[in-house]
Amino acid sequence: MYWTVGFQSCLMSEALALPRPTTVARRSIVPHMTKQEFITRQQAMTRATNKRLGFWMVFFFAALCGCIPLSSYIERHEQDYRWIGTAFGIGLLTFLCANLGLMAWYGLRQQRRYGHRCPHCNKSLVGFGAQIAIATGNCGQCGERVFSDQAA
């Protein structure tokens, strides 16, 4: 017991001797995009998203419609293969969750690609946040300036 108490006090003394992290001054971030560039990029992002969304919808509903004959087959052969109903349910749930994750990933990727994030707080500038940024020139989350006054 003495050894563990001594070891703990040794660790505590070493931990107390470590230098404390210093606070770093917040660096000044200069917005790199004008309001007109932001609007142009927003329109380009909307066009690209709508194009991909059409392909995704066709794939998604084709896969769901493909499940209809599979589910009727499972119902007919439920007594022969009891595990197949559970496997089908898990597979369908996995498919739906994977599509939600894919949609979220694609949305974040598009925001980064087209520069629709606040340069100060890194929050999303799409939807209502984009409307606030265009109307006021400031981020709706942190209130900092989002657009530069001149072209970069």
N, C-alpha and C. Protein backbone atom coordinates (compact mmCIF):
# COMPACT_ATOMS: atom_id res chain seq x y z
N MET A 1 0.82 -1.18 0.00
CA MET A 1 0.00 0.00 0.00
C MET A 1 0.88 1.25 0.00
N TYR A 2 1.97 1.22 0.76
CA TYR A 2 2.86 2.37 0.79
C TYR A 2 3.42 2.64 -0.60
N TRP A 3 3.72 1.55 -1.33
CA TRP A 3 4.29 1.71 -2.66
C TRP A 3 3.32 2.42 -3.60
N THR A 4 2.02 2.04 -3.55
CA THR A 4 1.05 2.66 -4.45
C THR A 4 0.83 4.12 -4.08
N VAL A 5 0.80 4.44 -2.79
CA VAL A 5 0.62 5.83 -2.39
C VAL A 5 1.84 6.64 -2.81
N GLY A 6 3.02 6.08 -2.64
CA GLY A 6 4.24 6.77 -3.06
C GLY A 6 4.29 6.96 -4.56
N PHE A 7 3.85 5.93 -5.31
CA PHE A 7 3.84 6.01 -6.77
C PHE A 7 2.86 7.08 -7.23
N GLN A 8 1.67 7.13 -6.58
CA GLN A 8 0.68 8.13 -6.95
C GLN A 8 1.18 9.53 -6.64
N SER A 9 1.84 9.72 -5.51
CA SER A 9 2.35 11.05 -5.18
C SER A 9 3.46 11.45 -6.15
N CYS A 10 4.24 10.46 -6.60
CA CYS A 10 5.28 10.74 -7.58
C CYS A 10 4.65 11.19 -8.90
N LEU A 11 3.59 10.49 -9.32
CA LEU A 11 2.90 10.88 -10.55
C LEU A 11 2.27 12.26 -10.41
N MET A 12 1.70 12.53 -9.25
CA MET A 12 1.07 13.82 -9.04
C MET A 12 2.10 14.94 -9.07
N SER A 13 3.26 14.71 -8.48
CA SER A 13 4.28 15.75 -8.48
C SER A 13 4.81 16.00 -9.89
N GLU A 14 4.91 14.91 -10.71
CA GLU A 14 5.34 15.10 -12.09
C GLU A 14 4.26 15.82 -12.89
N ALA A 15 3.01 15.49 -12.62
CA ALA A 15 1.92 16.14 -13.34
C ALA A 15 1.85 17.62 -13.00
N LEU A 16 2.13 17.95 -11.75
CA LEU A 16 2.10 19.35 -11.35
C LEU A 16 3.29 20.12 -11.91
N ALA A 17 4.38 19.43 -12.20
CA ALA A 17 5.57 20.09 -12.70
C ALA A 17 5.50 20.38 -14.20
N LEU A 18 4.54 19.77 -14.89
CA LEU A 18 4.42 20.01 -16.33
C LEU A 18 4.01 21.46 -16.59
N PRO A 19 4.52 22.05 -17.65
CA PRO A 19 4.15 23.43 -17.94
C PRO A 19 2.68 23.51 -18.37
N ARG A 20 2.04 24.55 -17.95
CA ARG A 20 0.63 24.76 -18.29
C ARG A 20 0.54 25.30 -19.73
N PRO A 21 -0.49 24.86 -20.46
CA PRO A 21 -0.64 25.40 -21.81
C PRO A 21 -1.00 26.87 -21.76
N THR A 22 -0.39 27.64 -22.62
CA THR A 22 -0.67 29.07 -22.66
C THR A 22 -1.83 29.31 -23.62
N THR A 23 -2.55 30.37 -23.39
CA THR A 23 -3.65 30.70 -24.28
C THR A 23 -3.09 31.37 -25.52
N VAL A 24 -3.61 30.96 -26.65
CA VAL A 24 -3.15 31.49 -27.92
C VAL A 24 -4.09 32.60 -28.34
N ALA A 25 -3.53 33.71 -28.76
CA ALA A 25 -4.36 34.82 -29.20
C ALA A 25 -5.11 34.42 -30.47
N ARG A 26 -6.35 34.84 -30.55
CA ARG A 26 -7.16 34.50 -31.71
C ARG A 26 -6.65 35.25 -32.92
N ARG A 27 -6.34 34.51 -33.97
CA ARG A 27 -5.80 35.16 -35.15
C ARG A 27 -6.92 35.81 -35.94
N SER A 28 -6.57 36.83 -36.64
CA SER A 28 -7.54 37.55 -37.44
C SER A 28 -7.78 36.80 -38.74
N ILE A 29 -9.02 36.47 -39.01
CA ILE A 29 -9.39 35.73 -40.21
C ILE A 29 -10.02 36.71 -41.19
N VAL A 30 -9.45 36.78 -42.37
CA VAL A 30 -9.98 37.67 -43.39
C VAL A 30 -10.90 36.87 -44.31
N PRO A 31 -12.16 37.28 -44.45
CA PRO A 31 -13.04 36.58 -45.38
C PRO A 31 -12.47 36.64 -46.80
N HIS A 32 -12.60 35.56 -47.54
CA HIS A 32 -11.97 35.44 -48.84
C HIS A 32 -12.93 35.51 -50.01
N MET A 33 -14.20 35.77 -49.78
CA MET A 33 -15.19 35.69 -50.84
C MET A 33 -16.11 36.91 -50.77
N THR A 34 -16.42 37.46 -51.93
CA THR A 34 -17.39 38.56 -51.97
C THR A 34 -18.80 37.98 -51.94
N LYS A 35 -19.77 38.87 -51.73
CA LYS A 35 -21.16 38.42 -51.67
C LYS A 35 -21.60 37.84 -53.01
N GLN A 36 -21.17 38.46 -54.12
CA GLN A 36 -21.56 37.97 -55.44
C GLN A 36 -20.93 36.60 -55.72
N GLU A 37 -19.69 36.39 -55.31
CA GLU A 37 -19.05 35.07 -55.47
C GLU A 37 -19.80 34.02 -54.65
N PHE A 38 -20.22 34.38 -53.45
CA PHE A 38 -20.98 33.46 -52.60
C PHE A 38 -22.28 33.05 -53.28
N ILE A 39 -23.00 34.03 -53.83
CA ILE A 39 -24.28 33.74 -54.49
C ILE A 39 -24.05 32.85 -55.71
N THR A 40 -22.99 33.12 -56.49
CA THR A 40 -22.68 32.31 -57.66
C THR A 40 -22.35 30.88 -57.26
N ARG A 41 -21.55 30.72 -56.21
CA ARG A 41 -21.20 29.38 -55.72
C ARG A 41 -22.43 28.66 -55.16
N GLN A 42 -23.32 29.41 -54.53
CA GLN A 42 -24.54 28.80 -53.99
C GLN A 42 -25.40 28.25 -55.13
N GLN A 43 -25.52 29.00 -56.22
CA GLN A 43 -26.29 28.54 -57.37
C GLN A 43 -25.64 27.31 -58.00
N ALA A 44 -24.30 27.31 -58.10
CA ALA A 44 -23.60 26.16 -58.67
C ALA A 44 -23.78 24.92 -57.79
N MET A 45 -23.74 25.12 -56.46
CA MET A 45 -23.93 24.00 -55.54
C MET A 45 -25.35 23.43 -55.66
N THR A 46 -26.33 24.31 -55.81
CA THR A 46 -27.72 23.87 -55.96
C THR A 46 -27.89 23.06 -57.24
N ARG A 47 -27.30 23.52 -58.34
CA ARG A 47 -27.40 22.77 -59.60
C ARG A 47 -26.74 21.40 -59.49
N ALA A 48 -25.54 21.34 -58.90
CA ALA A 48 -24.84 20.06 -58.76
C ALA A 48 -25.60 19.11 -57.84
N THR A 49 -26.15 19.64 -56.76
CA THR A 49 -26.89 18.81 -55.82
C THR A 49 -28.16 18.27 -56.45
N ASN A 50 -28.87 19.10 -57.19
CA ASN A 50 -30.11 18.64 -57.84
C ASN A 50 -29.81 17.57 -58.88
N LYS A 51 -28.71 17.71 -59.60
CA LYS A 51 -28.34 16.71 -60.60
C LYS A 51 -28.05 15.36 -59.94
N ARG A 52 -27.26 15.36 -58.89
CA ARG A 52 -26.93 14.12 -58.19
C ARG A 52 -28.13 13.55 -57.45
N LEU A 53 -28.97 14.43 -56.94
CA LEU A 53 -30.14 13.97 -56.20
C LEU A 53 -31.07 13.17 -57.10
N GLY A 54 -31.20 13.55 -58.35
CA GLY A 54 -32.03 12.80 -59.30
C GLY A 54 -31.53 11.37 -59.48
N PHE A 55 -30.22 11.22 -59.67
CA PHE A 55 -29.64 9.88 -59.80
C PHE A 55 -29.82 9.07 -58.52
N TRP A 56 -29.61 9.72 -57.38
CA TRP A 56 -29.74 9.02 -56.11
C TRP A 56 -31.18 8.55 -55.88
N MET A 57 -32.16 9.39 -56.22
CA MET A 57 -33.57 9.02 -56.03
C MET A 57 -33.93 7.80 -56.88
N VAL A 58 -33.46 7.77 -58.13
CA VAL A 58 -33.74 6.63 -59.00
C VAL A 58 -33.15 5.36 -58.40
N PHE A 59 -31.90 5.42 -57.95
CA PHE A 59 -31.25 4.25 -57.34
C PHE A 59 -31.97 3.82 -56.07
N PHE A 60 -32.29 4.77 -55.21
CA PHE A 60 -32.91 4.46 -53.94
C PHE A 60 -34.27 3.77 -54.12
N PHE A 61 -35.12 4.34 -54.95
CA PHE A 61 -36.45 3.75 -55.13
C PHE A 61 -36.40 2.46 -55.94
N ALA A 62 -35.42 2.33 -56.83
CA ALA A 62 -35.26 1.05 -57.54
C ALA A 62 -34.87 -0.05 -56.55
N ALA A 63 -33.99 0.28 -55.61
CA ALA A 63 -33.59 -0.71 -54.61
C ALA A 63 -34.77 -1.06 -53.70
N LEU A 64 -35.56 -0.06 -53.31
CA LEU A 64 -36.73 -0.35 -52.47
C LEU A 64 -37.77 -1.17 -53.21
N CYS A 65 -37.99 -0.86 -54.48
CA CYS A 65 -38.95 -1.65 -55.28
C CYS A 65 -38.44 -3.07 -55.50
N GLY A 66 -37.12 -3.23 -55.54
CA GLY A 66 -36.55 -4.57 -55.66
C GLY A 66 -36.77 -5.41 -54.42
N CYS A 67 -37.04 -4.77 -53.31
CA CYS A 67 -37.29 -5.50 -52.07
C CYS A 67 -38.69 -6.11 -52.02
N ILE A 68 -39.61 -5.63 -52.84
CA ILE A 68 -40.98 -6.13 -52.82
C ILE A 68 -41.04 -7.62 -53.20
N PRO A 69 -40.46 -8.04 -54.35
CA PRO A 69 -40.50 -9.47 -54.64
C PRO A 69 -39.70 -10.30 -53.64
N LEU A 70 -38.64 -9.71 -53.11
CA LEU A 70 -37.84 -10.44 -52.13
C LEU A 70 -38.63 -10.67 -50.85
N SER A 71 -39.40 -9.70 -50.43
CA SER A 71 -40.19 -9.88 -49.20
C SER A 71 -41.31 -10.91 -49.41
N SER A 72 -41.90 -10.97 -50.61
CA SER A 72 -42.93 -12.00 -50.84
C SER A 72 -42.30 -13.39 -50.88
N TYR A 73 -41.08 -13.50 -51.40
CA TYR A 73 -40.37 -14.78 -51.39
C TYR A 73 -40.08 -15.21 -49.94
N ILE A 74 -39.70 -14.26 -49.12
CA ILE A 74 -39.40 -14.55 -47.71
C ILE A 74 -40.66 -15.03 -46.99
N GLU A 75 -41.78 -14.41 -47.28
CA GLU A 75 -43.03 -14.83 -46.64
C GLU A 75 -43.42 -16.26 -47.03
N ARG A 76 -43.20 -16.62 -48.27
CA ARG A 76 -43.54 -17.98 -48.73
C ARG A 76 -42.63 -19.04 -48.14
N HIS A 77 -41.37 -18.71 -47.91
CA HIS A 77 -40.39 -19.69 -47.43
C HIS A 77 -39.95 -19.43 -45.99
N GLU A 78 -40.81 -18.81 -45.23
CA GLU A 78 -40.46 -18.47 -43.85
C GLU A 78 -40.24 -19.73 -43.00
N GLN A 79 -41.01 -20.76 -43.23
CA GLN A 79 -40.88 -21.99 -42.44
C GLN A 79 -39.58 -22.73 -42.76
N ASP A 80 -39.14 -22.66 -44.01
CA ASP A 80 -37.91 -23.35 -44.40
C ASP A 80 -36.66 -22.65 -43.86
N TYR A 81 -36.67 -21.33 -43.95
CA TYR A 81 -35.49 -20.54 -43.53
C TYR A 81 -35.95 -19.46 -42.55
N ARG A 82 -35.93 -19.78 -41.29
CA ARG A 82 -36.41 -18.84 -40.27
C ARG A 82 -35.49 -17.62 -40.12
N TRP A 83 -34.24 -17.75 -40.41
CA TRP A 83 -33.28 -16.67 -40.24
C TRP A 83 -33.36 -15.62 -41.34
N ILE A 84 -33.97 -15.98 -42.47
CA ILE A 84 -33.94 -15.08 -43.62
C ILE A 84 -34.77 -13.80 -43.39
N GLY A 85 -35.85 -13.90 -42.63
CA GLY A 85 -36.66 -12.71 -42.31
C GLY A 85 -35.88 -11.72 -41.48
N THR A 86 -35.15 -12.22 -40.50
CA THR A 86 -34.32 -11.35 -39.67
C THR A 86 -33.20 -10.73 -40.49
N ALA A 87 -32.56 -11.53 -41.33
CA ALA A 87 -31.47 -11.02 -42.17
C ALA A 87 -32.00 -9.95 -43.13
N PHE A 88 -33.19 -10.16 -43.69
CA PHE A 88 -33.78 -9.18 -44.60
C PHE A 88 -34.06 -7.87 -43.85
N GLY A 89 -34.62 -7.95 -42.66
CA GLY A 89 -34.89 -6.74 -41.87
C GLY A 89 -33.63 -5.98 -41.51
N ILE A 90 -32.60 -6.70 -41.11
CA ILE A 90 -31.32 -6.05 -40.78
C ILE A 90 -30.71 -5.43 -42.02
N GLY A 91 -30.78 -6.14 -43.15
CA GLY A 91 -30.25 -5.61 -44.40
C GLY A 91 -30.97 -4.35 -44.85
N LEU A 92 -32.29 -4.34 -44.74
CA LEU A 92 -33.08 -3.17 -45.13
C LEU A 92 -32.78 -1.99 -44.22
N LEU A 93 -32.68 -2.23 -42.92
CA LEU A 93 -32.36 -1.17 -41.97
C LEU A 93 -30.96 -0.62 -42.24
N THR A 94 -30.01 -1.49 -42.54
CA THR A 94 -28.66 -1.07 -42.86
C THR A 94 -28.65 -0.22 -44.13
N PHE A 95 -29.42 -0.63 -45.14
CA PHE A 95 -29.52 0.12 -46.39
C PHE A 95 -30.06 1.53 -46.14
N LEU A 96 -31.10 1.65 -45.35
CA LEU A 96 -31.69 2.96 -45.06
C LEU A 96 -30.74 3.84 -44.26
N CYS A 97 -30.10 3.28 -43.24
CA CYS A 97 -29.15 4.06 -42.43
C CYS A 97 -27.93 4.47 -43.24
N ALA A 98 -27.45 3.59 -44.10
CA ALA A 98 -26.31 3.92 -44.95
C ALA A 98 -26.66 5.06 -45.91
N ASN A 99 -27.88 5.07 -46.41
CA ASN A 99 -28.29 6.16 -47.29
C ASN A 99 -28.38 7.48 -46.54
N LEU A 100 -28.85 7.46 -45.31
CA LEU A 100 -28.87 8.69 -44.51
C LEU A 100 -27.45 9.19 -44.27
N GLY A 101 -26.55 8.30 -43.93
CA GLY A 101 -25.15 8.69 -43.73
C GLY A 101 -24.52 9.22 -45.00
N LEU A 102 -24.84 8.59 -46.12
CA LEU A 102 -24.31 9.05 -47.40
C LEU A 102 -24.83 10.44 -47.75
N MET A 103 -26.09 10.69 -47.48
CA MET A 103 -26.65 12.02 -47.75
C MET A 103 -26.00 13.08 -46.87
N ALA A 104 -25.78 12.79 -45.61
CA ALA A 104 -25.14 13.74 -44.71
C ALA A 104 -23.70 14.01 -45.15
N TRP A 105 -22.97 12.96 -45.50
CA TRP A 105 -21.58 13.12 -45.97
C TRP A 105 -21.54 13.96 -47.23
N TYR A 106 -22.43 13.70 -48.18
CA TYR A 106 -22.44 14.44 -49.43
C TYR A 106 -22.77 15.91 -49.19
N GLY A 107 -23.70 16.20 -48.31
CA GLY A 107 -24.04 17.59 -48.00
C GLY A 107 -22.87 18.35 -47.41
N LEU A 108 -22.17 17.72 -46.46
CA LEU A 108 -21.00 18.37 -45.86
C LEU A 108 -19.88 18.55 -46.89
N ARG A 109 -19.72 17.57 -47.76
CA ARG A 109 -18.69 17.65 -48.80
C ARG A 109 -18.98 18.81 -49.75
N GLN A 110 -20.24 18.97 -50.12
CA GLN A 110 -20.61 20.06 -51.02
C GLN A 110 -20.38 21.42 -50.35
N GLN A 111 -20.68 21.52 -49.07
CA GLN A 111 -20.47 22.78 -48.36
C GLN A 111 -19.00 23.15 -48.33
N ARG A 112 -18.14 22.17 -48.07
CA ARG A 112 -16.69 22.44 -48.06
C ARG A 112 -16.19 22.77 -49.47
N ARG A 113 -16.69 22.04 -50.45
CA ARG A 113 -16.22 22.22 -51.82
C ARG A 113 -16.56 23.61 -52.35
N TYR A 114 -17.75 24.09 -52.06
CA TYR A 114 -18.18 25.38 -52.57
C TYR A 114 -17.95 26.53 -51.59
N GLY A 115 -17.37 26.27 -50.45
CA GLY A 115 -17.02 27.31 -49.50
C GLY A 115 -18.19 27.89 -48.73
N HIS A 116 -19.18 27.08 -48.43
CA HIS A 116 -20.35 27.55 -47.71
C HIS A 116 -20.24 27.27 -46.22
N ARG A 117 -19.13 27.71 -45.64
CA ARG A 117 -18.91 27.58 -44.20
C ARG A 117 -18.36 28.92 -43.72
N CYS A 118 -18.73 29.29 -42.52
CA CYS A 118 -18.25 30.54 -41.95
C CYS A 118 -16.73 30.43 -41.73
N PRO A 119 -15.95 31.42 -42.16
CA PRO A 119 -14.50 31.34 -41.95
C PRO A 119 -14.09 31.49 -40.49
N HIS A 120 -14.99 31.94 -39.63
CA HIS A 120 -14.66 32.15 -38.22
C HIS A 120 -15.06 30.97 -37.33
N CYS A 121 -16.32 30.53 -37.45
CA CYS A 121 -16.80 29.47 -36.56
C CYS A 121 -17.00 28.13 -37.28
N ASN A 122 -16.80 28.09 -38.60
CA ASN A 122 -16.90 26.88 -39.41
C ASN A 122 -18.30 26.27 -39.42
N LYS A 123 -19.31 27.08 -39.16
CA LYS A 123 -20.70 26.60 -39.22
C LYS A 123 -21.20 26.67 -40.65
N SER A 124 -22.21 25.90 -40.95
CA SER A 124 -22.77 25.80 -42.28
C SER A 124 -23.49 27.09 -42.68
N LEU A 125 -23.28 27.52 -43.93
CA LEU A 125 -23.98 28.67 -44.47
C LEU A 125 -24.87 28.24 -45.63
N VAL A 126 -25.83 27.39 -45.34
CA VAL A 126 -26.80 26.95 -46.34
C VAL A 126 -28.20 27.17 -45.77
N GLY A 127 -29.18 27.24 -46.66
CA GLY A 127 -30.56 27.41 -46.23
C GLY A 127 -30.78 28.78 -45.60
N PHE A 128 -31.34 28.77 -44.41
CA PHE A 128 -31.64 30.02 -43.71
C PHE A 128 -30.36 30.77 -43.33
N GLY A 129 -29.30 30.02 -42.99
CA GLY A 129 -28.02 30.65 -42.66
C GLY A 129 -27.43 31.41 -43.84
N ALA A 130 -27.62 30.88 -45.06
CA ALA A 130 -27.15 31.57 -46.27
C ALA A 130 -27.97 32.84 -46.50
N GLN A 131 -29.26 32.78 -46.27
CA GLN A 131 -30.10 33.97 -46.45
C GLN A 131 -29.70 35.07 -45.48
N ILE A 132 -29.40 34.69 -44.22
CA ILE A 132 -28.95 35.68 -43.23
C ILE A 132 -27.62 36.27 -43.66
N ALA A 133 -26.70 35.42 -44.13
CA ALA A 133 -25.38 35.89 -44.55
C ALA A 133 -25.49 36.84 -45.74
N ILE A 134 -26.35 36.54 -46.70
CA ILE A 134 -26.50 37.40 -47.87
C ILE A 134 -27.15 38.73 -47.48
N ALA A 135 -28.14 38.69 -46.62
CA ALA A 135 -28.86 39.91 -46.24
C ALA A 135 -28.00 40.82 -45.36
N THR A 136 -27.30 40.26 -44.38
CA THR A 136 -26.56 41.08 -43.43
C THR A 136 -25.06 41.13 -43.68
N GLY A 137 -24.52 40.13 -44.36
CA GLY A 137 -23.08 40.05 -44.55
C GLY A 137 -22.38 39.40 -43.38
N ASN A 138 -23.13 38.97 -42.37
CA ASN A 138 -22.58 38.35 -41.17
C ASN A 138 -23.09 36.94 -41.00
N CYS A 139 -22.32 36.13 -40.27
CA CYS A 139 -22.73 34.76 -39.95
C CYS A 139 -23.89 34.81 -38.96
N GLY A 140 -24.87 33.95 -39.17
CA GLY A 140 -26.01 33.89 -38.26
C GLY A 140 -25.67 33.25 -36.93
N GLN A 141 -24.56 32.50 -36.84
CA GLN A 141 -24.16 31.82 -35.60
C GLN A 141 -23.26 32.69 -34.73
N CYS A 142 -22.16 33.19 -35.32
CA CYS A 142 -21.18 33.92 -34.50
C CYS A 142 -21.25 35.43 -34.69
N GLY A 143 -21.91 35.90 -35.76
CA GLY A 143 -22.06 37.33 -35.98
C GLY A 143 -20.87 38.00 -36.64
N GLU A 144 -19.85 37.22 -37.00
CA GLU A 144 -18.66 37.79 -37.63
C GLU A 144 -18.91 38.04 -39.11
N ARG A 145 -18.09 38.91 -39.69
CA ARG A 145 -18.18 39.24 -41.12
C ARG A 145 -17.83 38.02 -41.95
N VAL A 146 -18.65 37.72 -42.97
CA VAL A 146 -18.47 36.53 -43.79
C VAL A 146 -17.85 36.88 -45.15
N PHE A 147 -18.17 38.04 -45.69
CA PHE A 147 -17.73 38.39 -47.04
C PHE A 147 -16.64 39.48 -46.97
N SER A 148 -15.75 39.44 -47.97
CA SER A 148 -14.75 40.50 -48.08
C SER A 148 -15.37 41.65 -48.86
N ASP A 149 -14.81 42.83 -48.70
CA ASP A 149 -15.36 44.01 -49.39
C ASP A 149 -14.92 44.08 -50.84
N GLN A 150 -13.77 43.52 -51.17
CA GLN A 150 -13.31 43.55 -52.55
C GLN A 150 -12.99 42.13 -52.99
N ALA A 151 -12.83 41.96 -54.30
CA ALA A 151 -12.49 40.65 -54.85
C ALA A 151 -11.09 40.26 -54.43
N ALA A 152 -10.90 38.94 -54.16
CA ALA A 152 -9.61 38.49 -53.69
C ALA A 152 -8.61 38.38 -54.82
